[in-house]
């Protein structure tokens, strides 16, 4: 067969030798092309799948748009509301709670929105104020930021540890019990902020850490010639200063009086120490004068009877009182007595002090006379009778007062 008559289908083929029988067999017919009906079925199937996927995509997109609008739109709250997210709550529990309390309208929108923002593990426990009409996005941000409501408790300077414990037990926001009354002088009186769920023992521990840090700092800055040897002694003396004066400007001067007496080997003769020795942490629940029997009663805190400092603090001194002891005023004063106005009169000598005591007793006598006269006037007015106002009886001068020092005129 010539080249021009060779079948095009044989071009490029490599021929293998065949037998005579095989050569006589006809060539197999080519497979028939796919029918138009089969092609149409495949196209329809593919088209259906594509259409379904498109509808799913459109539906998801619509849901996302609607969900985003609901997540970022105004919430249902007409007024601000306080909510509490407990520790250990997960996203779904929080969402259920918010929906139940009417803070959000759609549980799944909140869950999905928080999840899409990848904040599901960042929601913090606490007590929060949710503003009116806050969106779910706003609420998510509030819980993620963790800016919970902070409550506070103020511990007055000079409170005994027993008084501090009583105050914490009265607070309705704090939880838990207090294992034992802390050591006297181990707590720093300040205003402490805390969130709901804080335990009373956690707050006690904060006060103890704050006191330790403050004392360490103040002790480093003390004057070098103080007659106190340890930080603990500084706290003891500061607790006495705290009880002797409530005026901030007097603390360094009152501290100087005690420092000067210690340097001279004189007894402190501080009235509050007597009361603490007799009544412990309940000694200062009310203002009171000291009786002769209390003054004479022996106890290890009675600084009219013992030399030097009492064995422990008589309360929890504040930072200012500790600063006053660490850096007292530079004076030669050894005595002070109440001036009747909330302050004190100071003296360097016993004679000068005795004169000041006489003035104080005169003021006290006048005060009692005025009080007695007013009481009689009130009684007479109640009975519809004229008041019979006469001279008041001073009843004898008290031997001590919470705001006096060394009222006995002998050393």
Protein backbone atom coordinates (compact mmCIF):
# COMPACT_ATOMS: atom_id res chain seq x y z
CA UNK A 1 0.00 0.00 0.00
CA UNK A 2 1.38 3.30 -1.08
CA UNK A 3 1.83 6.20 1.36
CA UNK A 4 -0.99 8.24 -0.20
CA UNK A 5 -3.49 5.36 0.21
CA UNK A 6 -2.59 4.59 3.91
CA UNK A 7 -5.49 5.07 6.34
CA UNK A 8 -4.98 8.14 8.43
CA UNK A 9 -5.86 6.10 11.54
CA UNK A 10 -2.68 4.10 11.06
CA UNK A 11 -0.43 7.15 11.04
CA UNK A 12 1.84 7.20 14.04
CA UNK A 13 0.90 3.66 15.13
CA UNK A 14 3.55 1.07 15.72
CA UNK A 15 2.43 -2.17 14.02
CA UNK A 16 3.19 -5.50 15.55
CA UNK A 17 3.39 -8.54 13.33
CA UNK A 18 0.07 -10.38 13.11
CA UNK A 19 -0.84 -13.88 12.09
CA UNK A 20 -2.71 -14.54 8.85
CA UNK A 21 -5.94 -15.22 10.79
CA UNK A 22 -5.65 -12.00 12.72
CA UNK A 23 -5.00 -10.13 9.53
CA UNK A 24 -8.28 -11.42 8.08
CA UNK A 25 -10.33 -10.19 11.16
CA UNK A 26 -12.18 -6.86 10.63
CA UNK A 27 -11.11 -3.79 12.68
CA UNK A 28 -13.30 -3.22 15.82
CA UNK A 29 -15.81 -0.43 15.51
CA UNK A 30 -15.15 2.73 17.56
CA UNK A 31 -17.39 3.23 20.70
CA UNK A 32 -20.52 5.23 20.05
CA UNK A 33 -20.50 8.87 21.22
CA UNK A 34 -22.52 9.75 24.44
CA UNK A 35 -26.15 10.34 23.80
CA UNK A 36 -27.65 13.77 24.16
CA UNK A 37 -29.95 12.50 26.95
CA UNK A 38 -27.01 11.39 29.13
CA UNK A 39 -25.26 14.72 28.62
CA UNK A 40 -28.43 16.54 29.61
CA UNK A 41 -28.80 14.55 32.91
CA UNK A 42 -25.22 15.40 34.05
CA UNK A 43 -25.70 19.07 33.26
CA UNK A 44 -28.98 19.15 35.18
CA UNK A 45 -27.40 17.44 38.21
CA UNK A 46 -24.42 19.78 38.26
CA UNK A 47 -26.67 22.75 37.82
CA UNK A 48 -28.87 21.64 40.73
CA UNK A 49 -25.91 21.19 43.04
CA UNK A 50 -24.54 24.60 42.09
CA UNK A 51 -27.93 26.23 42.60
CA UNK A 52 -28.29 24.57 46.04
CA UNK A 53 -24.86 25.72 47.11
CA UNK A 54 -25.61 29.23 45.95
CA UNK A 55 -28.85 29.25 47.94
CA UNK A 56 -26.99 28.00 51.02
CA UNK A 57 -24.38 30.72 50.62
CA UNK A 58 -27.06 33.37 50.15
CA UNK A 59 -28.99 32.08 53.18
CA UNK A 60 -25.87 32.04 55.34
CA UNK A 61 -24.98 35.50 54.16
CA UNK A 62 -28.47 36.74 54.95
CA UNK A 63 -28.31 35.13 58.39
CA UNK A 64 -24.93 36.72 59.04
CA UNK A 65 -26.20 40.13 58.00
CA UNK A 66 -29.34 39.80 60.10
CA UNK A 67 -27.36 38.38 63.03
CA UNK A 68 -24.82 41.20 62.80
CA UNK A 69 -27.60 43.75 62.82
CA UNK A 70 -29.18 42.14 65.88
CA UNK A 71 -25.80 41.72 67.61
CA UNK A 72 -24.92 45.38 67.14
CA UNK A 73 -28.44 46.83 67.38
CA UNK A 74 -30.15 48.32 70.41
CA UNK A 75 -30.91 45.90 73.18
CA UNK A 76 -34.23 45.38 74.99
CA UNK A 77 -33.32 47.07 78.31
CA UNK A 78 -35.41 50.15 79.01
CA UNK A 79 -33.29 51.08 82.04
CA UNK A 80 -29.82 50.17 83.22
CA UNK A 81 -29.59 46.89 85.10
CA UNK A 82 -27.06 45.18 87.32
CA UNK A 83 -26.13 41.60 86.49
CA UNK A 84 -23.80 39.16 88.20
CA UNK A 85 -21.74 36.66 86.21
CA UNK A 86 -20.61 33.87 88.50
CA UNK A 87 -17.14 32.38 88.36
CA UNK A 88 -16.96 29.27 86.21
CA UNK A 89 -19.84 30.16 83.90
CA UNK A 90 -19.30 29.41 80.21
CA UNK A 91 -20.54 31.32 77.18
CA UNK A 92 -23.80 29.41 76.83
CA UNK A 93 -24.62 29.68 80.54
CA UNK A 94 -23.99 33.42 80.42
CA UNK A 95 -26.12 33.78 77.30
CA UNK A 96 -28.98 31.84 78.89
CA UNK A 97 -28.79 34.03 81.98
CA UNK A 98 -28.74 37.25 79.95
CA UNK A 99 -31.75 36.12 77.92
CA UNK A 100 -33.59 35.03 81.06
CA UNK A 101 -32.99 38.40 82.73
CA UNK A 102 -34.14 40.28 79.64
CA UNK A 103 -30.74 41.80 78.89
CA UNK A 104 -30.54 40.23 75.41
CA UNK A 105 -33.31 39.07 73.09
CA UNK A 106 -31.61 36.25 71.15
CA UNK A 107 -29.54 33.58 72.87
CA UNK A 108 -28.02 32.16 69.68
CA UNK A 109 -27.16 35.58 68.27
CA UNK A 110 -25.14 36.40 71.37
CA UNK A 111 -23.42 33.00 71.38
CA UNK A 112 -22.63 33.21 67.65
CA UNK A 113 -21.48 36.84 67.81
CA UNK A 114 -19.12 36.20 70.73
CA UNK A 115 -17.78 33.06 69.03
CA UNK A 116 -17.20 34.86 65.71
CA UNK A 117 -15.24 37.53 67.60
CA UNK A 118 -13.28 34.71 69.28
CA UNK A 119 -14.03 36.10 72.75
CA UNK A 120 -15.80 33.08 74.24
CA UNK A 121 -12.90 32.40 76.63
CA UNK A 122 -12.40 36.05 77.59
CA UNK A 123 -15.69 36.73 79.40
CA UNK A 124 -14.95 37.58 83.03
CA UNK A 125 -16.98 36.96 86.15
CA UNK A 126 -18.17 39.88 88.20
CA UNK A 127 -20.99 42.30 88.88
CA UNK A 128 -21.72 44.66 86.00
CA UNK A 129 -24.00 47.56 85.18
CA UNK A 130 -25.55 47.07 81.74
CA UNK A 131 -26.68 50.43 80.28
CA UNK A 132 -30.14 50.88 78.83
CA UNK A 133 -30.52 49.60 75.26
CA UNK A 134 -27.00 48.12 75.38
CA UNK A 135 -26.37 45.98 72.30
CA UNK A 136 -25.07 42.44 72.53
CA UNK A 137 -21.76 43.74 71.18
CA UNK A 138 -21.67 46.29 74.01
CA UNK A 139 -22.38 43.59 76.57
CA UNK A 140 -19.63 41.40 75.12
CA UNK A 141 -17.17 44.28 75.43
CA UNK A 142 -18.23 44.95 79.03
CA UNK A 143 -17.69 41.32 80.03
CA UNK A 144 -14.40 41.06 78.17
CA UNK A 145 -13.01 44.26 79.70
CA UNK A 146 -14.02 42.97 83.12
CA UNK A 147 -14.77 46.41 84.57
CA UNK A 148 -16.97 45.04 87.32
CA UNK A 149 -18.70 47.13 89.95
CA UNK A 150 -16.33 47.84 92.82
CA UNK A 151 -17.67 47.99 96.35
CA UNK A 152 -15.65 49.41 99.20
CA UNK A 153 -15.19 49.17 102.93
CA UNK A 154 -13.39 51.73 105.07
CA UNK A 155 -11.45 50.64 108.13
CA UNK A 156 -10.95 53.58 110.52
CA UNK A 157 -7.47 54.20 111.84
CA UNK A 158 -6.96 52.79 115.31
CA UNK A 159 -9.66 50.12 115.08
CA UNK A 160 -8.75 46.96 116.94
CA UNK A 161 -8.62 43.73 114.97
CA UNK A 162 -11.81 42.62 116.70
CA UNK A 163 -13.55 45.77 115.48
CA UNK A 164 -12.22 45.22 111.95
CA UNK A 165 -13.55 41.66 111.90
CA UNK A 166 -16.94 42.86 113.14
CA UNK A 167 -17.11 45.43 110.37
CA UNK A 168 -16.25 42.89 107.67
CA UNK A 169 -18.82 40.43 109.01
CA UNK A 170 -21.49 43.13 108.74
CA UNK A 171 -20.73 43.80 105.06
CA UNK A 172 -23.40 42.05 102.94
CA UNK A 173 -21.31 41.95 99.75
CA UNK A 174 -18.36 40.04 101.18
CA UNK A 175 -18.69 36.27 101.52
CA UNK A 176 -17.18 33.57 103.68
CA UNK A 177 -16.12 33.36 107.29
CA UNK A 178 -13.04 34.69 109.07
CA UNK A 179 -11.00 31.86 110.53
CA UNK A 180 -9.58 33.82 113.45
CA UNK A 181 -9.08 37.38 114.65
CA UNK A 182 -5.82 38.67 113.11
CA UNK A 183 -2.94 39.78 115.30
CA UNK A 184 -3.34 43.28 116.67
CA UNK A 185 -1.51 45.83 114.54
CA UNK A 186 -1.22 43.53 111.51
CA UNK A 187 -3.92 45.28 109.44
CA UNK A 188 -3.56 48.58 107.60
CA UNK A 189 -6.63 50.81 108.06
CA UNK A 190 -7.62 52.19 104.66
CA UNK A 191 -10.47 52.15 102.18
CA UNK A 192 -10.43 48.87 100.28
CA UNK A 193 -12.27 48.27 97.02
CA UNK A 194 -13.47 44.83 96.04
CA UNK A 195 -15.90 43.14 93.68
CA UNK A 196 -18.79 40.87 94.52
CA UNK A 197 -17.62 37.40 95.42
CA UNK A 198 -14.55 38.54 97.34
CA UNK A 199 -14.18 36.60 100.58
CA UNK A 200 -13.60 38.20 103.94
CA UNK A 201 -10.37 36.28 104.38
CA UNK A 202 -9.11 37.60 101.03
CA UNK A 203 -9.71 41.15 102.25
CA UNK A 204 -7.99 40.40 105.58
CA UNK A 205 -4.98 39.10 103.67
CA UNK A 206 -4.91 42.25 101.53
CA UNK A 207 -4.88 44.37 104.69
CA UNK A 208 -2.03 42.31 106.11
CA UNK A 209 0.05 42.61 102.94
CA UNK A 210 -0.63 46.36 102.80
CA UNK A 211 0.46 46.78 106.42
CA UNK A 212 3.63 44.77 105.90
CA UNK A 213 4.56 46.80 102.81
CA UNK A 214 3.82 50.15 104.50
CA UNK A 215 5.76 49.22 107.63
CA UNK A 216 8.79 48.08 105.62
CA UNK A 217 8.86 51.34 103.71
CA UNK A 218 8.40 53.55 106.79
CA UNK A 219 10.95 51.65 108.86
CA UNK A 220 13.62 52.34 106.25
CA UNK A 221 13.00 56.09 106.54
CA UNK A 222 12.97 56.33 110.35
CA UNK A 223 15.21 58.72 112.27
CA UNK A 224 18.39 57.00 113.45
CA UNK A 225 18.17 57.97 117.14
CA UNK A 226 14.78 56.52 118.01
CA UNK A 227 14.47 54.50 121.24
CA UNK A 228 12.64 51.70 119.41
CA UNK A 229 14.52 48.69 118.18
CA UNK A 230 12.19 46.84 115.80
CA UNK A 231 9.38 47.49 113.31
CA UNK A 232 7.04 45.74 115.74
CA UNK A 233 7.87 48.29 118.46
CA UNK A 234 7.17 51.09 115.98
CA UNK A 235 3.68 49.65 115.41
CA UNK A 236 3.06 49.39 119.16
CA UNK A 237 3.93 53.02 119.76
CA UNK A 238 2.04 54.15 116.66
CA UNK A 239 -1.10 52.37 117.93
CA UNK A 240 -0.86 54.42 121.15
CA UNK A 241 -0.36 57.66 119.21
CA UNK A 242 -3.39 56.75 117.10
CA UNK A 243 -5.57 56.40 120.19
CA UNK A 244 -4.28 59.57 121.86
CA UNK A 245 -5.17 62.02 119.10
CA UNK A 246 -7.55 62.12 116.19
CA UNK A 247 -5.93 65.17 114.66
CA UNK A 248 -3.46 64.57 111.86
CA UNK A 249 -1.43 67.69 112.64
CA UNK A 250 -0.87 66.53 116.25
CA UNK A 251 0.40 63.04 115.57
CA UNK A 252 4.11 63.93 115.12
CA UNK A 253 3.99 66.06 118.28
CA UNK A 254 2.24 63.40 120.37
CA UNK A 255 4.74 60.85 119.05
CA UNK A 256 7.57 63.18 120.11
CA UNK A 257 6.23 63.28 123.68
CA UNK A 258 6.33 59.49 123.93
CA UNK A 259 9.72 59.27 122.23
CA UNK A 260 11.14 61.85 124.68
CA UNK A 261 9.70 59.98 127.66
CA UNK A 262 11.18 56.69 126.48
CA UNK A 263 14.58 58.33 126.05
CA UNK A 264 14.42 59.63 129.63
CA UNK A 265 13.23 56.32 131.04
CA UNK A 266 9.84 57.78 131.99
CA UNK A 267 6.68 55.72 131.88
CA UNK A 268 4.37 56.50 129.00
CA UNK A 269 1.29 56.95 131.25
CA UNK A 270 -1.14 56.61 128.33
CA UNK A 271 -4.76 56.07 129.30
CA UNK A 272 -5.83 53.99 126.26
CA UNK A 273 -3.33 51.29 127.19
CA UNK A 274 -5.15 50.78 130.48
CA UNK A 275 -8.46 50.21 128.75
CA UNK A 276 -6.98 47.80 126.22
CA UNK A 277 -5.36 45.77 128.99
CA UNK A 278 -8.70 45.49 130.78
CA UNK A 279 -11.11 45.01 127.89
CA UNK A 280 -9.01 43.93 124.89
CA UNK A 281 -10.40 44.56 121.42
CA UNK A 282 -13.72 45.81 122.84
CA UNK A 283 -12.04 48.57 124.86
CA UNK A 284 -12.78 51.45 122.49
CA UNK A 285 -16.35 50.78 121.44
CA UNK A 286 -17.38 54.00 123.14
CA UNK A 287 -15.79 57.11 124.57
CA UNK A 288 -15.23 56.86 128.32
CA UNK A 289 -13.13 58.19 131.13
CA UNK A 290 -10.93 56.01 133.30
CA UNK A 291 -11.89 55.37 136.90
CA UNK A 292 -9.50 55.23 139.84
CA UNK A 293 -10.08 51.49 140.21
CA UNK A 294 -9.17 50.91 136.53
CA UNK A 295 -6.07 53.04 136.90
CA UNK A 296 -4.94 51.04 139.91
CA UNK A 297 -5.87 47.62 138.49
CA UNK A 298 -2.70 45.72 137.55
CA UNK A 299 -2.39 44.61 133.94
CA UNK A 300 0.53 44.21 131.59
CA UNK A 301 -0.72 47.01 129.33
CA UNK A 302 -1.05 49.64 132.06
CA UNK A 303 1.67 52.13 131.14
CA UNK A 304 1.19 53.90 134.47
CA UNK A 305 2.55 50.72 136.05
CA UNK A 306 4.98 49.27 133.49
CA UNK A 307 8.11 50.78 131.99
CA UNK A 308 8.59 50.97 128.25
CA UNK A 309 6.06 49.72 125.72
CA UNK A 310 3.14 47.34 126.26
CA UNK A 311 3.59 43.81 124.88
CA UNK A 312 1.49 44.32 121.72
CA UNK A 313 -0.22 47.10 119.77
CA UNK A 314 -3.54 48.28 121.21
CA UNK A 315 -5.10 48.72 117.76
CA UNK A 316 -4.23 48.95 114.09
CA UNK A 317 -2.44 52.24 113.44
CA UNK A 318 -2.73 54.03 110.14
CA UNK A 319 0.10 55.03 107.87
CA UNK A 320 0.21 58.59 109.24
CA UNK A 321 0.63 57.43 112.85
CA UNK A 322 3.49 55.12 111.86
CA UNK A 323 5.10 57.96 109.91
CA UNK A 324 4.77 60.18 113.01
CA UNK A 325 6.60 57.67 115.18
CA UNK A 326 9.31 57.10 112.58
CA UNK A 327 9.82 60.86 112.14
CA UNK A 328 8.45 62.68 115.22
CA UNK A 329 8.58 66.42 115.81
CA UNK A 330 11.78 67.79 117.31
CA UNK A 331 10.58 69.03 120.70
CA UNK A 332 11.45 68.69 124.38
CA UNK A 333 7.84 68.22 125.43
CA UNK A 334 6.99 65.47 127.91
CA UNK A 335 3.29 66.03 128.67
CA UNK A 336 0.00 66.84 127.00
CA UNK A 337 -3.59 67.17 128.10
CA UNK A 338 -6.88 67.70 126.26
CA UNK A 339 -7.79 71.31 125.57
CA UNK A 340 -11.53 70.71 125.40
CA UNK A 341 -11.79 71.36 121.66
CA UNK A 342 -10.50 68.06 120.31
CA UNK A 343 -6.85 69.06 120.47
CA UNK A 344 -4.19 69.07 123.18
CA UNK A 345 -2.01 71.43 125.18
CA UNK A 346 1.63 70.37 125.39
CA UNK A 347 4.19 71.07 128.09
CA UNK A 348 7.88 70.46 128.64
CA UNK A 349 7.77 70.66 132.45
CA UNK A 350 5.59 69.16 135.12
CA UNK A 351 4.65 72.56 136.59
CA UNK A 352 3.48 73.80 133.22
CA UNK A 353 1.56 70.58 132.71
CA UNK A 354 -0.15 70.85 136.08
CA UNK A 355 -1.40 74.30 135.15
CA UNK A 356 -2.73 72.92 131.87
CA UNK A 357 -4.46 70.09 133.76
CA UNK A 358 -6.13 72.62 136.05
CA UNK A 359 -7.42 74.51 133.01
CA UNK A 360 -8.73 71.28 131.49
CA UNK A 361 -10.51 70.33 134.72
CA UNK A 362 -12.12 73.77 134.87
CA UNK A 363 -13.32 73.33 131.30
CA UNK A 364 -14.71 69.90 132.16
CA UNK A 365 -16.50 71.32 135.20
CA UNK A 366 -18.08 74.04 133.08
CA UNK A 367 -19.15 71.51 130.49
CA UNK A 368 -20.80 69.30 133.09
CA UNK A 369 -22.57 72.31 134.59
CA UNK A 370 -23.91 73.30 131.18
CA UNK A 371 -25.04 69.76 130.49
CA UNK A 372 -26.74 69.51 133.87
CA UNK A 373 -28.51 72.85 133.37
CA UNK A 374 -29.75 71.82 129.95
CA UNK A 375 -31.00 68.53 131.33
CA UNK A 376 -32.92 70.30 134.09
CA UNK A 377 -34.39 72.78 131.62
CA UNK A 378 -35.54 69.95 129.37
CA UNK A 379 -37.07 68.09 132.30
CA UNK A 380 -38.82 71.22 133.56
CA UNK A 381 -40.17 71.97 130.10
CA UNK A 382 -41.48 68.45 129.80
CA UNK A 383 -43.25 68.71 133.17
CA UNK A 384 -44.52 72.21 132.44
CA UNK A 385 -42.63 73.61 135.40
CA UNK A 386 -40.05 76.35 135.70
CA UNK A 387 -36.52 75.11 135.74
CA UNK A 388 -34.72 75.33 139.05
CA UNK A 389 -31.24 75.98 137.79
CA UNK A 390 -28.56 75.90 140.48
CA UNK A 391 -24.89 75.33 140.72
CA UNK A 392 -23.72 72.05 139.23
CA UNK A 393 -21.73 69.55 141.23
CA UNK A 394 -18.54 68.56 139.46
CA UNK A 395 -18.59 65.18 141.18
CA UNK A 396 -14.81 65.12 141.42
CA UNK A 397 -12.29 65.25 138.60
CA UNK A 398 -11.59 62.13 136.57
CA UNK A 399 -8.17 60.66 137.02
CA UNK A 400 -7.78 60.06 133.31
CA UNK A 401 -9.27 60.69 129.90
CA UNK A 402 -8.81 59.16 126.49
CA UNK A 403 -7.33 62.45 125.36
CA UNK A 404 -5.10 63.16 128.37
CA UNK A 405 -1.63 62.13 129.49
CA UNK A 406 -0.25 62.05 133.01
CA UNK A 407 -3.25 63.74 134.63
CA UNK A 408 -1.80 62.67 137.94
CA UNK A 409 0.37 65.61 138.85
CA UNK A 410 3.27 63.55 140.10
CA UNK A 411 5.78 61.75 137.96
